[in-house]
Amino acid sequence: MATEAEADFTIKQNDFGDREPLRATLEQLVVDAETGEPVLDGEGQEQFEPIDLTGKTIHGLLESASKVKLKTGSMTIVGEPKKGIVEYQFAAAGESTPADLAIASDYKLEFEILGAEGKSRQSVPNVGYYLLRVEASSGP
């Protein structure tokens, strides 16, 4: 029997304007400059470090199971840009939150980082996706 995947982020349907913002720390794999190999910690796990977001613009890119693609507005960099923390406050459906996101479903989520000049682009995670779950609301 398949089990339901654990969501990286969860929001409740029709609860966008009243909830805490979606917040994430954007990180990149630490790579040894000489060998090009990932740096491992004492337990053999790959090490990650925050991405410096100085002068960058960040958006969330979402895709539903039915392949509907959505893009959030610009995300806010929280605190010092070198710490890589961003957040996005979903507005009430019908405002700046796409109506498609008001449907209870799972969405693939990645963060798109655009360089200050708008030419360079980086996706986080660079392999796979985060899972954003919009849960059904029990109210009206």
N, C-alpha and C. Protein backbone atom coordinates (compact mmCIF):
# COMPACT_ATOMS: atom_id res chain seq x y z
N MET A 1 0.84 -1.17 0.00
CA MET A 1 0.00 0.00 0.00
C MET A 1 0.89 1.24 0.00
N ALA A 2 0.64 2.16 -0.90
CA ALA A 2 1.43 3.39 -0.99
C ALA A 2 1.04 4.33 0.14
N THR A 3 2.02 5.00 0.69
CA THR A 3 1.74 5.97 1.74
C THR A 3 1.81 7.36 1.15
N GLU A 4 1.08 8.28 1.77
CA GLU A 4 1.06 9.65 1.31
C GLU A 4 2.39 10.31 1.63
N ALA A 5 2.95 11.01 0.65
CA ALA A 5 4.23 11.69 0.85
C ALA A 5 4.06 12.82 1.87
N GLU A 6 5.08 13.02 2.67
CA GLU A 6 5.06 14.09 3.66
C GLU A 6 5.32 15.42 2.96
N ALA A 7 4.48 16.41 3.25
CA ALA A 7 4.61 17.72 2.62
C ALA A 7 5.75 18.51 3.26
N ASP A 8 6.48 19.27 2.42
CA ASP A 8 7.49 20.19 2.93
C ASP A 8 6.84 21.46 3.46
N PHE A 9 5.72 21.85 2.83
CA PHE A 9 4.96 23.04 3.22
C PHE A 9 3.48 22.68 3.14
N THR A 10 2.69 23.18 4.09
CA THR A 10 1.25 22.92 4.10
C THR A 10 0.51 24.22 4.34
N ILE A 11 -0.53 24.46 3.53
CA ILE A 11 -1.42 25.58 3.76
C ILE A 11 -2.85 25.06 3.65
N LYS A 12 -3.79 25.76 4.27
CA LYS A 12 -5.18 25.33 4.25
C LYS A 12 -5.92 26.08 3.16
N GLN A 13 -6.76 25.37 2.44
CA GLN A 13 -7.57 25.94 1.37
C GLN A 13 -8.38 27.13 1.89
N ASN A 14 -8.43 28.20 1.11
CA ASN A 14 -9.19 29.42 1.43
C ASN A 14 -8.71 30.11 2.70
N ASP A 15 -7.49 29.86 3.12
CA ASP A 15 -6.94 30.43 4.35
C ASP A 15 -5.71 31.27 4.04
N PHE A 16 -5.56 31.70 2.79
CA PHE A 16 -4.32 32.30 2.35
C PHE A 16 -3.99 33.61 3.04
N GLY A 17 -4.94 34.54 3.13
CA GLY A 17 -4.64 35.85 3.68
C GLY A 17 -4.45 35.88 5.18
N ASP A 18 -4.92 34.83 5.88
CA ASP A 18 -4.92 34.83 7.34
C ASP A 18 -3.82 33.98 7.96
N ARG A 19 -3.00 33.38 7.18
CA ARG A 19 -2.03 32.43 7.74
C ARG A 19 -0.62 33.01 7.76
N GLU A 20 0.24 32.30 8.42
CA GLU A 20 1.65 32.67 8.41
C GLU A 20 2.18 32.55 6.99
N PRO A 21 3.15 33.39 6.63
CA PRO A 21 3.70 33.26 5.28
C PRO A 21 4.48 31.96 5.10
N LEU A 22 4.55 31.51 3.85
CA LEU A 22 5.41 30.38 3.51
C LEU A 22 6.84 30.89 3.65
N ARG A 23 7.66 30.23 4.44
CA ARG A 23 9.05 30.67 4.68
C ARG A 23 10.00 29.52 4.42
N ALA A 24 11.10 29.82 3.77
CA ALA A 24 12.09 28.78 3.44
C ALA A 24 13.49 29.36 3.47
N THR A 25 14.45 28.51 3.80
CA THR A 25 15.86 28.87 3.69
C THR A 25 16.38 28.20 2.43
N LEU A 26 16.84 29.03 1.48
CA LEU A 26 17.33 28.51 0.20
C LEU A 26 18.80 28.16 0.36
N GLU A 27 19.13 26.91 0.09
CA GLU A 27 20.49 26.41 0.29
C GLU A 27 21.04 25.77 -0.97
N GLN A 28 22.37 25.69 -1.01
CA GLN A 28 23.05 25.03 -2.12
C GLN A 28 24.07 24.05 -1.56
N LEU A 29 24.37 23.04 -2.34
CA LEU A 29 25.33 22.02 -1.97
C LEU A 29 26.73 22.63 -1.88
N VAL A 30 27.46 22.28 -0.84
CA VAL A 30 28.84 22.75 -0.70
C VAL A 30 29.72 21.78 -1.51
N VAL A 31 30.51 22.35 -2.43
CA VAL A 31 31.36 21.55 -3.31
C VAL A 31 32.82 21.92 -3.08
N ASP A 32 33.68 20.91 -2.99
CA ASP A 32 35.11 21.14 -2.83
C ASP A 32 35.65 21.81 -4.09
N ALA A 33 36.31 22.97 -3.93
CA ALA A 33 36.80 23.75 -5.07
C ALA A 33 37.84 23.00 -5.90
N GLU A 34 38.62 22.13 -5.27
CA GLU A 34 39.67 21.41 -6.00
C GLU A 34 39.16 20.16 -6.72
N THR A 35 38.32 19.39 -6.04
CA THR A 35 37.88 18.11 -6.61
C THR A 35 36.53 18.19 -7.32
N GLY A 36 35.73 19.22 -6.98
CA GLY A 36 34.39 19.32 -7.55
C GLY A 36 33.39 18.35 -6.91
N GLU A 37 33.84 17.65 -5.89
CA GLU A 37 33.00 16.67 -5.19
C GLU A 37 32.25 17.34 -4.04
N PRO A 38 31.06 16.83 -3.71
CA PRO A 38 30.33 17.37 -2.55
C PRO A 38 31.13 17.19 -1.27
N VAL A 39 31.05 18.18 -0.39
CA VAL A 39 31.70 18.12 0.91
C VAL A 39 30.76 17.38 1.86
N LEU A 40 31.31 16.39 2.58
CA LEU A 40 30.51 15.60 3.51
C LEU A 40 30.81 15.98 4.94
N ASP A 41 29.79 15.86 5.80
CA ASP A 41 30.02 16.13 7.22
C ASP A 41 30.56 14.88 7.89
N GLY A 42 30.70 14.89 9.20
CA GLY A 42 31.26 13.77 9.95
C GLY A 42 30.44 12.50 9.85
N GLU A 43 29.15 12.61 9.47
CA GLU A 43 28.29 11.44 9.36
C GLU A 43 28.12 10.99 7.91
N GLY A 44 28.92 11.58 7.00
CA GLY A 44 28.86 11.19 5.59
C GLY A 44 27.72 11.83 4.81
N GLN A 45 27.06 12.83 5.40
CA GLN A 45 25.96 13.52 4.73
C GLN A 45 26.50 14.74 3.96
N GLU A 46 25.90 15.01 2.81
CA GLU A 46 26.30 16.18 2.04
C GLU A 46 25.99 17.45 2.83
N GLN A 47 26.88 18.44 2.72
CA GLN A 47 26.70 19.71 3.43
C GLN A 47 26.07 20.74 2.50
N PHE A 48 25.22 21.57 3.09
CA PHE A 48 24.56 22.65 2.37
C PHE A 48 24.83 23.96 3.09
N GLU A 49 24.79 25.06 2.32
CA GLU A 49 24.98 26.38 2.91
C GLU A 49 23.92 27.32 2.31
N PRO A 50 23.54 28.36 3.08
CA PRO A 50 22.56 29.31 2.56
C PRO A 50 23.07 29.99 1.29
N ILE A 51 22.14 30.29 0.37
CA ILE A 51 22.48 31.01 -0.85
C ILE A 51 22.42 32.51 -0.55
N ASP A 52 23.45 33.23 -0.93
CA ASP A 52 23.47 34.69 -0.77
C ASP A 52 22.48 35.29 -1.76
N LEU A 53 21.46 35.94 -1.26
CA LEU A 53 20.39 36.49 -2.10
C LEU A 53 20.54 37.99 -2.35
N THR A 54 21.71 38.53 -2.06
CA THR A 54 21.95 39.96 -2.27
C THR A 54 21.67 40.33 -3.72
N GLY A 55 20.76 41.29 -3.93
CA GLY A 55 20.44 41.77 -5.26
C GLY A 55 19.62 40.82 -6.11
N LYS A 56 19.08 39.77 -5.53
CA LYS A 56 18.35 38.76 -6.28
C LYS A 56 16.83 38.96 -6.15
N THR A 57 16.08 38.41 -7.11
CA THR A 57 14.62 38.35 -7.06
C THR A 57 14.24 36.87 -7.03
N ILE A 58 13.29 36.52 -6.14
CA ILE A 58 12.92 35.13 -5.96
C ILE A 58 11.42 34.97 -6.18
N HIS A 59 11.03 33.91 -6.90
CA HIS A 59 9.63 33.56 -7.12
C HIS A 59 9.45 32.08 -6.77
N GLY A 60 8.25 31.72 -6.37
CA GLY A 60 7.90 30.32 -6.22
C GLY A 60 7.24 29.84 -7.50
N LEU A 61 7.67 28.70 -8.02
CA LEU A 61 7.07 28.10 -9.21
C LEU A 61 6.35 26.84 -8.77
N LEU A 62 5.07 26.75 -9.07
CA LEU A 62 4.26 25.62 -8.64
C LEU A 62 3.67 24.90 -9.84
N GLU A 63 3.46 23.60 -9.67
CA GLU A 63 2.81 22.81 -10.71
C GLU A 63 1.88 21.81 -10.04
N SER A 64 0.62 21.81 -10.48
CA SER A 64 -0.37 20.89 -9.91
C SER A 64 -0.24 19.53 -10.57
N ALA A 65 -0.95 18.55 -9.99
CA ALA A 65 -0.95 17.20 -10.57
C ALA A 65 -1.51 17.21 -11.99
N SER A 66 -2.40 18.17 -12.27
CA SER A 66 -2.99 18.26 -13.62
C SER A 66 -2.15 19.14 -14.54
N LYS A 67 -0.92 19.43 -14.12
CA LYS A 67 0.07 20.18 -14.91
C LYS A 67 -0.25 21.67 -15.07
N VAL A 68 -1.12 22.22 -14.19
CA VAL A 68 -1.34 23.67 -14.18
C VAL A 68 -0.12 24.30 -13.55
N LYS A 69 0.49 25.26 -14.23
CA LYS A 69 1.70 25.92 -13.73
C LYS A 69 1.35 27.30 -13.20
N LEU A 70 1.87 27.62 -12.02
CA LEU A 70 1.60 28.88 -11.35
C LEU A 70 2.92 29.51 -10.93
N LYS A 71 2.92 30.83 -10.83
CA LYS A 71 4.11 31.55 -10.37
C LYS A 71 3.67 32.57 -9.33
N THR A 72 4.33 32.58 -8.18
CA THR A 72 3.99 33.56 -7.15
C THR A 72 4.56 34.92 -7.53
N GLY A 73 4.11 35.93 -6.82
CA GLY A 73 4.75 37.23 -6.93
C GLY A 73 6.14 37.15 -6.33
N SER A 74 6.86 38.25 -6.33
CA SER A 74 8.20 38.25 -5.75
C SER A 74 8.14 37.91 -4.27
N MET A 75 9.07 37.08 -3.84
CA MET A 75 9.15 36.71 -2.43
C MET A 75 9.99 37.75 -1.70
N THR A 76 9.74 37.89 -0.41
CA THR A 76 10.47 38.84 0.42
C THR A 76 11.69 38.17 1.02
N ILE A 77 12.85 38.82 0.93
CA ILE A 77 14.06 38.32 1.59
C ILE A 77 13.97 38.75 3.05
N VAL A 78 14.13 37.81 3.96
CA VAL A 78 13.98 38.07 5.39
C VAL A 78 15.35 38.27 6.01
N GLY A 79 15.55 39.41 6.66
CA GLY A 79 16.81 39.68 7.35
C GLY A 79 17.96 39.85 6.39
N GLU A 80 19.13 39.39 6.82
CA GLU A 80 20.35 39.53 6.03
C GLU A 80 20.30 38.61 4.80
N PRO A 81 20.46 39.17 3.59
CA PRO A 81 20.35 38.35 2.37
C PRO A 81 21.29 37.15 2.34
N LYS A 82 22.45 37.23 3.00
CA LYS A 82 23.42 36.13 2.97
C LYS A 82 22.91 34.89 3.70
N LYS A 83 21.85 35.03 4.49
CA LYS A 83 21.30 33.88 5.22
C LYS A 83 20.32 33.07 4.38
N GLY A 84 19.91 33.60 3.21
CA GLY A 84 19.10 32.84 2.26
C GLY A 84 17.66 32.59 2.66
N ILE A 85 17.09 33.40 3.55
CA ILE A 85 15.72 33.16 4.02
C ILE A 85 14.74 34.03 3.23
N VAL A 86 13.70 33.38 2.70
CA VAL A 86 12.66 34.10 1.96
C VAL A 86 11.29 33.72 2.51
N GLU A 87 10.30 34.59 2.24
CA GLU A 87 8.94 34.25 2.61
C GLU A 87 7.98 34.85 1.59
N TYR A 88 6.79 34.25 1.55
CA TYR A 88 5.76 34.72 0.64
C TYR A 88 4.43 34.64 1.36
N GLN A 89 3.72 35.77 1.41
CA GLN A 89 2.39 35.80 2.01
C GLN A 89 1.35 35.63 0.91
N PHE A 90 0.69 34.49 0.90
CA PHE A 90 -0.38 34.28 -0.06
C PHE A 90 -1.53 35.20 0.31
N ALA A 91 -2.04 35.94 -0.65
CA ALA A 91 -3.20 36.79 -0.44
C ALA A 91 -4.45 35.94 -0.55
N ALA A 92 -5.59 36.52 -0.20
CA ALA A 92 -6.85 35.79 -0.35
C ALA A 92 -7.04 35.43 -1.81
N ALA A 93 -7.63 34.28 -2.07
CA ALA A 93 -7.88 33.85 -3.45
C ALA A 93 -8.66 34.94 -4.18
N GLY A 94 -8.29 35.18 -5.41
CA GLY A 94 -8.94 36.22 -6.19
C GLY A 94 -8.18 37.52 -6.16
N GLU A 95 -7.26 37.68 -5.19
CA GLU A 95 -6.42 38.87 -5.17
C GLU A 95 -5.17 38.51 -5.97
N SER A 96 -4.02 38.37 -5.30
CA SER A 96 -2.81 38.02 -6.06
C SER A 96 -2.51 36.53 -6.03
N THR A 97 -3.31 35.74 -5.30
CA THR A 97 -3.12 34.29 -5.28
C THR A 97 -3.95 33.70 -6.42
N PRO A 98 -3.35 32.95 -7.32
CA PRO A 98 -4.11 32.37 -8.43
C PRO A 98 -5.25 31.50 -7.92
N ALA A 99 -6.40 31.60 -8.57
CA ALA A 99 -7.57 30.82 -8.16
C ALA A 99 -7.28 29.33 -8.17
N ASP A 100 -6.42 28.87 -9.09
CA ASP A 100 -6.10 27.45 -9.17
C ASP A 100 -5.47 26.94 -7.88
N LEU A 101 -4.81 27.81 -7.14
CA LEU A 101 -4.16 27.39 -5.89
C LEU A 101 -5.18 27.23 -4.76
N ALA A 102 -6.41 27.68 -4.97
CA ALA A 102 -7.45 27.53 -3.96
C ALA A 102 -8.04 26.13 -3.97
N ILE A 103 -7.59 25.27 -4.88
CA ILE A 103 -8.07 23.90 -4.96
C ILE A 103 -7.19 23.03 -4.07
N ALA A 104 -7.83 22.24 -3.19
CA ALA A 104 -7.07 21.35 -2.31
C ALA A 104 -6.37 20.31 -3.16
N SER A 105 -5.05 20.29 -3.08
CA SER A 105 -4.25 19.39 -3.91
C SER A 105 -2.79 19.48 -3.47
N ASP A 106 -1.96 18.63 -4.04
CA ASP A 106 -0.52 18.72 -3.85
C ASP A 106 0.08 19.43 -5.05
N TYR A 107 1.08 20.25 -4.80
CA TYR A 107 1.76 21.00 -5.85
C TYR A 107 3.26 20.78 -5.73
N LYS A 108 3.92 20.61 -6.88
CA LYS A 108 5.37 20.63 -6.90
C LYS A 108 5.77 22.09 -6.72
N LEU A 109 6.81 22.34 -5.93
CA LEU A 109 7.25 23.71 -5.67
C LEU A 109 8.76 23.78 -5.81
N GLU A 110 9.20 24.78 -6.55
CA GLU A 110 10.62 25.10 -6.57
C GLU A 110 10.75 26.62 -6.52
N PHE A 111 11.90 27.07 -6.12
CA PHE A 111 12.17 28.50 -6.02
C PHE A 111 13.08 28.90 -7.17
N GLU A 112 12.71 29.97 -7.85
CA GLU A 112 13.49 30.50 -8.96
C GLU A 112 14.20 31.76 -8.47
N ILE A 113 15.52 31.77 -8.57
CA ILE A 113 16.32 32.92 -8.15
C ILE A 113 16.88 33.59 -9.39
N LEU A 114 16.54 34.85 -9.57
CA LEU A 114 17.03 35.62 -10.71
C LEU A 114 18.11 36.57 -10.24
N GLY A 115 19.22 36.63 -10.98
CA GLY A 115 20.32 37.52 -10.65
C GLY A 115 19.92 38.98 -10.79
N ALA A 116 20.73 39.86 -10.21
CA ALA A 116 20.44 41.29 -10.22
C ALA A 116 20.25 41.82 -11.63
N GLU A 117 20.98 41.29 -12.57
CA GLU A 117 20.88 41.76 -13.95
C GLU A 117 19.75 41.07 -14.70
N GLY A 118 19.08 40.11 -14.06
CA GLY A 118 17.96 39.41 -14.68
C GLY A 118 18.37 38.34 -15.67
N LYS A 119 19.66 38.11 -15.84
CA LYS A 119 20.12 37.14 -16.85
C LYS A 119 20.39 35.77 -16.24
N SER A 120 20.99 35.72 -15.06
CA SER A 120 21.30 34.43 -14.46
C SER A 120 20.07 33.90 -13.73
N ARG A 121 19.91 32.58 -13.75
CA ARG A 121 18.75 31.93 -13.14
C ARG A 121 19.21 30.67 -12.43
N GLN A 122 18.69 30.47 -11.23
CA GLN A 122 19.02 29.29 -10.45
C GLN A 122 17.73 28.75 -9.86
N SER A 123 17.56 27.44 -9.84
CA SER A 123 16.38 26.81 -9.24
C SER A 123 16.79 26.07 -7.98
N VAL A 124 15.94 26.15 -6.95
CA VAL A 124 16.17 25.44 -5.69
C VAL A 124 14.89 24.68 -5.36
N PRO A 125 14.94 23.37 -5.12
CA PRO A 125 16.14 22.56 -5.24
C PRO A 125 16.50 22.36 -6.72
N ASN A 126 17.76 22.07 -6.96
CA ASN A 126 18.16 21.89 -8.36
C ASN A 126 17.90 20.46 -8.85
N VAL A 127 17.55 19.57 -7.96
CA VAL A 127 17.12 18.22 -8.33
C VAL A 127 15.81 17.95 -7.59
N GLY A 128 14.77 17.61 -8.32
CA GLY A 128 13.48 17.32 -7.70
C GLY A 128 12.71 18.59 -7.34
N TYR A 129 11.74 18.42 -6.45
CA TYR A 129 10.86 19.51 -6.04
C TYR A 129 10.55 19.40 -4.56
N TYR A 130 10.09 20.50 -3.98
CA TYR A 130 9.46 20.47 -2.67
C TYR A 130 8.00 20.11 -2.90
N LEU A 131 7.32 19.68 -1.87
CA LEU A 131 5.90 19.37 -1.96
C LEU A 131 5.12 20.39 -1.13
N LEU A 132 4.23 21.14 -1.80
CA LEU A 132 3.34 22.09 -1.14
C LEU A 132 1.96 21.46 -1.15
N ARG A 133 1.39 21.27 0.03
CA ARG A 133 0.06 20.66 0.13
C ARG A 133 -0.96 21.73 0.52
N VAL A 134 -2.01 21.86 -0.29
CA VAL A 134 -3.14 22.71 0.07
C VAL A 134 -4.21 21.76 0.57
N GLU A 135 -4.50 21.85 1.88
CA GLU A 135 -5.44 20.94 2.52
C GLU A 135 -6.86 21.47 2.39
N ALA A 136 -7.83 20.56 2.30
CA ALA A 136 -9.23 20.95 2.21
C ALA A 136 -9.65 21.67 3.48
N SER A 137 -10.44 22.71 3.30
CA SER A 137 -10.96 23.48 4.43
C SER A 137 -12.23 22.83 4.95
N SER A 138 -12.41 22.83 6.26
CA SER A 138 -13.63 22.24 6.83
C SER A 138 -14.76 23.24 6.90
N GLY A 139 -14.43 24.52 6.68
CA GLY A 139 -15.45 25.57 6.76
C GLY A 139 -15.95 25.97 5.40
N PRO A 140 -16.71 27.08 5.35
CA PRO A 140 -17.28 27.54 4.07
C PRO A 140 -16.27 28.01 3.10
